[in-house]
N, C-alpha and C. Protein backbone atom coordinates (compact mmCIF):
# COMPACT_ATOMS: atom_id res chain seq x y z
N MET A 1 2.93 11.36 2.35
CA MET A 1 2.84 10.59 3.58
C MET A 1 3.90 11.09 4.55
N PRO A 2 3.54 11.33 5.80
CA PRO A 2 4.50 11.83 6.78
C PRO A 2 5.68 10.87 6.96
N LYS A 3 6.84 11.43 7.23
CA LYS A 3 8.05 10.62 7.35
C LYS A 3 7.92 9.56 8.43
N ASN A 4 7.34 9.91 9.58
CA ASN A 4 7.24 8.91 10.65
C ASN A 4 6.33 7.75 10.24
N LEU A 5 5.30 8.02 9.42
CA LEU A 5 4.44 6.95 8.93
C LEU A 5 5.21 6.09 7.92
N THR A 6 5.96 6.74 7.04
CA THR A 6 6.79 6.02 6.07
C THR A 6 7.78 5.13 6.79
N ASP A 7 8.43 5.65 7.81
CA ASP A 7 9.40 4.87 8.58
C ASP A 7 8.72 3.67 9.25
N LYS A 8 7.54 3.89 9.78
CA LYS A 8 6.80 2.81 10.45
C LYS A 8 6.43 1.71 9.45
N LEU A 9 5.92 2.12 8.29
CA LEU A 9 5.53 1.14 7.27
C LEU A 9 6.74 0.39 6.73
N THR A 10 7.86 1.09 6.55
CA THR A 10 9.08 0.45 6.06
C THR A 10 9.57 -0.58 7.07
N ALA A 11 9.58 -0.23 8.34
CA ALA A 11 10.02 -1.17 9.38
C ALA A 11 9.10 -2.39 9.43
N GLU A 12 7.80 -2.14 9.32
CA GLU A 12 6.83 -3.24 9.33
C GLU A 12 7.05 -4.15 8.12
N PHE A 13 7.26 -3.55 6.96
CA PHE A 13 7.51 -4.31 5.73
C PHE A 13 8.73 -5.21 5.90
N LYS A 14 9.82 -4.63 6.38
CA LYS A 14 11.06 -5.40 6.54
C LYS A 14 10.87 -6.55 7.53
N LYS A 15 10.20 -6.30 8.63
CA LYS A 15 9.94 -7.33 9.63
C LYS A 15 9.14 -8.48 9.03
N ASN A 16 8.09 -8.15 8.31
CA ASN A 16 7.22 -9.17 7.73
C ASN A 16 7.89 -9.91 6.58
N LEU A 17 8.68 -9.20 5.78
CA LEU A 17 9.43 -9.85 4.71
C LEU A 17 10.41 -10.86 5.29
N LYS A 18 11.10 -10.46 6.33
CA LYS A 18 12.06 -11.36 6.99
C LYS A 18 11.34 -12.59 7.55
N ALA A 19 10.18 -12.38 8.17
CA ALA A 19 9.42 -13.50 8.75
C ALA A 19 8.98 -14.49 7.66
N ILE A 20 8.52 -13.96 6.53
CA ILE A 20 8.09 -14.85 5.44
C ILE A 20 9.28 -15.62 4.89
N LEU A 21 10.40 -14.95 4.73
CA LEU A 21 11.61 -15.64 4.25
C LEU A 21 12.03 -16.72 5.23
N ASN A 22 11.93 -16.44 6.54
CA ASN A 22 12.27 -17.45 7.54
C ASN A 22 11.32 -18.64 7.47
N GLU A 23 10.03 -18.38 7.25
CA GLU A 23 9.03 -19.45 7.12
C GLU A 23 9.33 -20.35 5.92
N ARG A 24 9.87 -19.75 4.89
CA ARG A 24 10.10 -20.46 3.63
C ARG A 24 11.57 -20.76 3.37
N ALA A 25 12.36 -20.75 4.42
CA ALA A 25 13.81 -20.90 4.29
C ALA A 25 14.23 -22.18 3.58
N ASP A 26 13.39 -23.21 3.65
CA ASP A 26 13.76 -24.47 3.02
C ASP A 26 13.67 -24.43 1.49
N HIS A 27 12.95 -23.45 0.92
CA HIS A 27 12.86 -23.41 -0.55
C HIS A 27 13.07 -22.04 -1.18
N THR A 28 13.41 -21.04 -0.40
CA THR A 28 13.74 -19.74 -0.99
C THR A 28 14.71 -18.99 -0.08
N ASN A 29 15.31 -17.97 -0.65
CA ASN A 29 16.20 -17.10 0.12
C ASN A 29 16.15 -15.71 -0.51
N ALA A 30 16.87 -14.79 0.06
CA ALA A 30 16.82 -13.39 -0.39
C ALA A 30 17.22 -13.26 -1.86
N LYS A 31 18.25 -13.96 -2.27
CA LYS A 31 18.72 -13.87 -3.65
C LYS A 31 17.68 -14.44 -4.62
N LYS A 32 17.14 -15.61 -4.31
CA LYS A 32 16.12 -16.23 -5.17
C LYS A 32 14.90 -15.33 -5.28
N LEU A 33 14.46 -14.78 -4.16
CA LEU A 33 13.29 -13.91 -4.16
C LEU A 33 13.55 -12.67 -5.00
N SER A 34 14.71 -12.09 -4.86
CA SER A 34 15.06 -10.90 -5.65
C SER A 34 14.94 -11.19 -7.14
N ILE A 35 15.49 -12.32 -7.55
CA ILE A 35 15.48 -12.70 -8.96
C ILE A 35 14.05 -12.99 -9.42
N GLU A 36 13.29 -13.74 -8.61
CA GLU A 36 11.91 -14.06 -8.97
C GLU A 36 11.05 -12.81 -9.09
N ALA A 37 11.38 -11.80 -8.32
CA ALA A 37 10.62 -10.55 -8.35
C ALA A 37 11.06 -9.63 -9.49
N GLY A 38 12.12 -10.03 -10.19
CA GLY A 38 12.61 -9.21 -11.29
C GLY A 38 13.45 -8.03 -10.82
N LEU A 39 14.05 -8.19 -9.65
CA LEU A 39 14.89 -7.13 -9.08
C LEU A 39 16.35 -7.56 -9.19
N GLY A 40 17.25 -6.68 -8.81
CA GLY A 40 18.66 -7.04 -8.78
C GLY A 40 18.90 -8.14 -7.75
N GLU A 41 19.95 -8.94 -7.95
CA GLU A 41 20.23 -10.08 -7.08
C GLU A 41 20.33 -9.73 -5.61
N THR A 42 20.76 -8.54 -5.30
CA THR A 42 20.96 -8.16 -3.90
C THR A 42 19.84 -7.30 -3.33
N ALA A 43 18.78 -7.09 -4.08
CA ALA A 43 17.71 -6.16 -3.67
C ALA A 43 17.12 -6.51 -2.30
N VAL A 44 16.72 -7.75 -2.12
CA VAL A 44 16.09 -8.14 -0.85
C VAL A 44 17.10 -8.06 0.29
N ARG A 45 18.30 -8.52 0.05
CA ARG A 45 19.34 -8.44 1.08
C ARG A 45 19.59 -6.98 1.46
N ASP A 46 19.64 -6.10 0.47
CA ASP A 46 19.86 -4.68 0.74
C ASP A 46 18.72 -4.09 1.58
N ILE A 47 17.50 -4.51 1.28
CA ILE A 47 16.34 -4.04 2.05
C ILE A 47 16.46 -4.51 3.50
N LEU A 48 16.75 -5.79 3.68
CA LEU A 48 16.82 -6.36 5.03
C LEU A 48 17.99 -5.83 5.84
N LYS A 49 19.07 -5.45 5.16
CA LYS A 49 20.27 -4.93 5.85
C LYS A 49 20.26 -3.41 5.95
N ASN A 50 19.10 -2.80 5.67
CA ASN A 50 18.92 -1.34 5.75
C ASN A 50 19.81 -0.56 4.78
N ARG A 51 20.19 -1.19 3.69
CA ARG A 51 20.95 -0.48 2.66
C ARG A 51 20.00 0.24 1.70
N SER A 52 18.74 -0.13 1.80
CA SER A 52 17.68 0.52 1.02
C SER A 52 16.77 1.20 2.04
N ALA A 53 16.83 2.52 2.11
CA ALA A 53 16.15 3.26 3.17
C ALA A 53 14.64 3.02 3.18
N SER A 54 14.00 3.18 2.04
CA SER A 54 12.55 3.04 1.97
C SER A 54 12.19 2.49 0.60
N PRO A 55 11.92 1.20 0.50
CA PRO A 55 11.62 0.61 -0.82
C PRO A 55 10.39 1.25 -1.46
N LYS A 56 10.42 1.37 -2.76
CA LYS A 56 9.28 1.92 -3.49
C LYS A 56 8.12 0.94 -3.42
N LEU A 57 6.91 1.47 -3.55
CA LEU A 57 5.73 0.62 -3.54
C LEU A 57 5.79 -0.40 -4.67
N GLU A 58 6.33 -0.01 -5.81
CA GLU A 58 6.48 -0.92 -6.94
C GLU A 58 7.34 -2.12 -6.56
N THR A 59 8.40 -1.89 -5.81
CA THR A 59 9.28 -2.98 -5.35
C THR A 59 8.53 -3.89 -4.40
N ILE A 60 7.77 -3.31 -3.49
CA ILE A 60 6.99 -4.09 -2.53
C ILE A 60 5.97 -4.94 -3.27
N GLN A 61 5.33 -4.36 -4.28
CA GLN A 61 4.35 -5.11 -5.06
C GLN A 61 5.00 -6.27 -5.80
N LYS A 62 6.17 -6.05 -6.37
CA LYS A 62 6.88 -7.12 -7.07
C LYS A 62 7.24 -8.25 -6.11
N LEU A 63 7.68 -7.89 -4.91
CA LEU A 63 8.04 -8.91 -3.92
C LEU A 63 6.81 -9.68 -3.46
N ALA A 64 5.72 -8.97 -3.23
CA ALA A 64 4.47 -9.63 -2.81
C ALA A 64 4.02 -10.62 -3.89
N LYS A 65 4.10 -10.21 -5.14
CA LYS A 65 3.70 -11.09 -6.24
C LYS A 65 4.60 -12.32 -6.30
N ALA A 66 5.90 -12.13 -6.17
CA ALA A 66 6.83 -13.26 -6.20
C ALA A 66 6.62 -14.20 -5.02
N LEU A 67 6.18 -13.66 -3.89
CA LEU A 67 5.91 -14.48 -2.70
C LEU A 67 4.50 -15.07 -2.72
N HIS A 68 3.68 -14.63 -3.69
CA HIS A 68 2.29 -15.09 -3.79
C HIS A 68 1.49 -14.71 -2.54
N VAL A 69 1.70 -13.47 -2.11
CA VAL A 69 0.95 -12.93 -0.98
C VAL A 69 0.44 -11.54 -1.36
N PRO A 70 -0.66 -11.11 -0.76
CA PRO A 70 -1.12 -9.74 -1.01
C PRO A 70 -0.18 -8.74 -0.33
N VAL A 71 -0.13 -7.54 -0.86
CA VAL A 71 0.73 -6.50 -0.28
C VAL A 71 0.41 -6.29 1.20
N TYR A 72 -0.87 -6.37 1.56
CA TYR A 72 -1.23 -6.12 2.96
C TYR A 72 -0.66 -7.17 3.91
N ARG A 73 -0.21 -8.31 3.39
CA ARG A 73 0.46 -9.29 4.26
C ARG A 73 1.84 -8.76 4.66
N LEU A 74 2.43 -8.00 3.78
CA LEU A 74 3.74 -7.40 4.07
C LEU A 74 3.61 -6.12 4.88
N ILE A 75 2.52 -5.38 4.67
CA ILE A 75 2.32 -4.11 5.36
C ILE A 75 0.87 -4.02 5.84
N PRO A 76 0.51 -4.75 6.89
CA PRO A 76 -0.87 -4.71 7.38
C PRO A 76 -1.33 -3.32 7.82
N SER A 77 -0.45 -2.51 8.35
CA SER A 77 -0.84 -1.16 8.81
C SER A 77 -1.32 -0.29 7.67
N MET A 78 -0.89 -0.61 6.46
CA MET A 78 -1.29 0.18 5.31
C MET A 78 -2.81 0.09 5.14
N ILE A 79 -3.39 -1.03 5.50
CA ILE A 79 -4.84 -1.19 5.41
C ILE A 79 -5.50 -0.20 6.37
N ASP A 80 -5.02 -0.15 7.60
CA ASP A 80 -5.59 0.78 8.58
C ASP A 80 -5.51 2.20 8.07
N HIS A 81 -4.35 2.56 7.49
CA HIS A 81 -4.17 3.91 6.95
C HIS A 81 -5.16 4.15 5.82
N SER A 82 -5.34 3.15 4.95
CA SER A 82 -6.28 3.29 3.84
C SER A 82 -7.71 3.44 4.35
N TYR A 83 -8.06 2.69 5.40
CA TYR A 83 -9.39 2.82 5.97
C TYR A 83 -9.60 4.22 6.54
N ASP A 84 -8.56 4.78 7.15
CA ASP A 84 -8.67 6.14 7.66
C ASP A 84 -8.94 7.12 6.52
N GLN A 85 -8.22 6.93 5.40
CA GLN A 85 -8.43 7.80 4.25
C GLN A 85 -9.84 7.64 3.69
N LEU A 86 -10.31 6.40 3.61
CA LEU A 86 -11.67 6.16 3.11
C LEU A 86 -12.71 6.81 4.02
N ALA A 87 -12.51 6.67 5.31
CA ALA A 87 -13.46 7.27 6.26
C ALA A 87 -13.49 8.79 6.08
N GLN A 88 -12.33 9.39 5.89
CA GLN A 88 -12.25 10.83 5.68
C GLN A 88 -12.96 11.21 4.38
N GLN A 89 -12.76 10.42 3.33
CA GLN A 89 -13.43 10.71 2.05
C GLN A 89 -14.94 10.57 2.18
N GLU A 90 -15.39 9.55 2.90
CA GLU A 90 -16.83 9.37 3.09
C GLU A 90 -17.43 10.56 3.86
N GLU A 91 -16.68 11.05 4.83
CA GLU A 91 -17.14 12.22 5.59
C GLU A 91 -17.23 13.44 4.68
N GLU A 92 -16.21 13.61 3.82
CA GLU A 92 -16.22 14.73 2.88
C GLU A 92 -17.39 14.61 1.90
N ILE A 93 -17.66 13.41 1.44
CA ILE A 93 -18.78 13.20 0.52
C ILE A 93 -20.09 13.56 1.20
N GLN A 94 -20.22 13.16 2.45
CA GLN A 94 -21.45 13.48 3.19
C GLN A 94 -21.61 14.99 3.33
N LEU A 95 -20.53 15.68 3.63
CA LEU A 95 -20.59 17.14 3.75
C LEU A 95 -20.96 17.78 2.41
N LEU A 96 -20.39 17.27 1.33
CA LEU A 96 -20.72 17.78 0.00
C LEU A 96 -22.19 17.52 -0.33
N ARG A 97 -22.65 16.34 0.05
CA ARG A 97 -24.05 15.99 -0.20
C ARG A 97 -24.96 16.98 0.52
N GLU A 98 -24.66 17.25 1.77
CA GLU A 98 -25.48 18.17 2.56
C GLU A 98 -25.38 19.59 2.01
N ALA A 99 -24.17 20.01 1.66
CA ALA A 99 -23.96 21.38 1.19
C ALA A 99 -24.62 21.62 -0.17
N SER A 100 -24.62 20.59 -1.01
CA SER A 100 -25.16 20.77 -2.36
C SER A 100 -26.67 20.65 -2.40
N GLY A 101 -27.25 20.02 -1.38
CA GLY A 101 -28.69 19.82 -1.37
C GLY A 101 -29.13 18.81 -2.41
N LEU A 102 -28.18 18.08 -2.94
CA LEU A 102 -28.49 17.08 -3.95
C LEU A 102 -28.55 15.70 -3.31
N ASP A 103 -29.37 14.85 -3.88
CA ASP A 103 -29.47 13.48 -3.39
C ASP A 103 -28.72 12.59 -4.38
N TYR A 104 -27.58 12.10 -3.99
CA TYR A 104 -26.79 11.22 -4.85
C TYR A 104 -26.17 10.14 -3.98
N GLN A 105 -25.77 9.08 -4.64
CA GLN A 105 -25.26 7.93 -3.90
C GLN A 105 -23.74 7.86 -3.85
N GLY A 106 -23.07 8.41 -4.81
CA GLY A 106 -21.61 8.30 -4.83
C GLY A 106 -20.98 9.50 -5.50
N ILE A 107 -19.68 9.48 -5.54
CA ILE A 107 -18.91 10.61 -6.07
C ILE A 107 -19.17 10.79 -7.56
N ASP A 108 -19.37 9.69 -8.29
CA ASP A 108 -19.63 9.82 -9.72
C ASP A 108 -20.95 10.55 -9.97
N GLU A 109 -21.97 10.19 -9.19
CA GLU A 109 -23.26 10.87 -9.33
C GLU A 109 -23.14 12.34 -8.95
N LEU A 110 -22.32 12.63 -7.94
CA LEU A 110 -22.11 14.03 -7.55
C LEU A 110 -21.44 14.80 -8.68
N ARG A 111 -20.44 14.22 -9.29
CA ARG A 111 -19.75 14.89 -10.39
C ARG A 111 -20.73 15.22 -11.52
N ILE A 112 -21.56 14.24 -11.85
CA ILE A 112 -22.54 14.45 -12.92
C ILE A 112 -23.51 15.57 -12.54
N ALA A 113 -24.01 15.51 -11.30
CA ALA A 113 -24.96 16.52 -10.84
C ALA A 113 -24.34 17.91 -10.86
N LEU A 114 -23.10 18.03 -10.39
CA LEU A 114 -22.43 19.33 -10.38
C LEU A 114 -22.14 19.81 -11.79
N LYS A 115 -21.78 18.90 -12.65
CA LYS A 115 -21.51 19.26 -14.05
C LYS A 115 -22.79 19.78 -14.69
N ASN A 116 -23.91 19.12 -14.42
CA ASN A 116 -25.20 19.54 -14.99
C ASN A 116 -25.64 20.89 -14.43
N ARG A 117 -25.27 21.16 -13.17
CA ARG A 117 -25.62 22.45 -12.55
C ARG A 117 -24.92 23.61 -13.24
N LYS A 118 -23.69 23.37 -13.71
CA LYS A 118 -22.89 24.42 -14.35
C LYS A 118 -23.47 24.81 -15.70
N LYS A 119 -24.20 23.90 -16.34
CA LYS A 119 -24.72 24.16 -17.69
C LYS A 119 -25.84 25.14 -17.68
């Protein structure tokens, strides 16, 4: 993933994490969330204070689970990026379909058809 995209997603994650913590300030805080997520006591604080440059996806997933929210609530742009990747894959599949002259519905059927062609 390009650095500027990583930076954008990290900034978005931090902004949304902070907003959720502010919404829930009456019953949670950075330390409690860190512990509930199975991270070190200062993990969330370090993320919010930019002491953690770019949190790993595993960390983001743990925090989302502890907050009882989907990952895309913390990083909505990631969905857009994923849709772009899916669109690109669908385009590639269509090109493969046309190039192979085979009629198949998905990548699994294409794999089987190509495997059978090799035999």
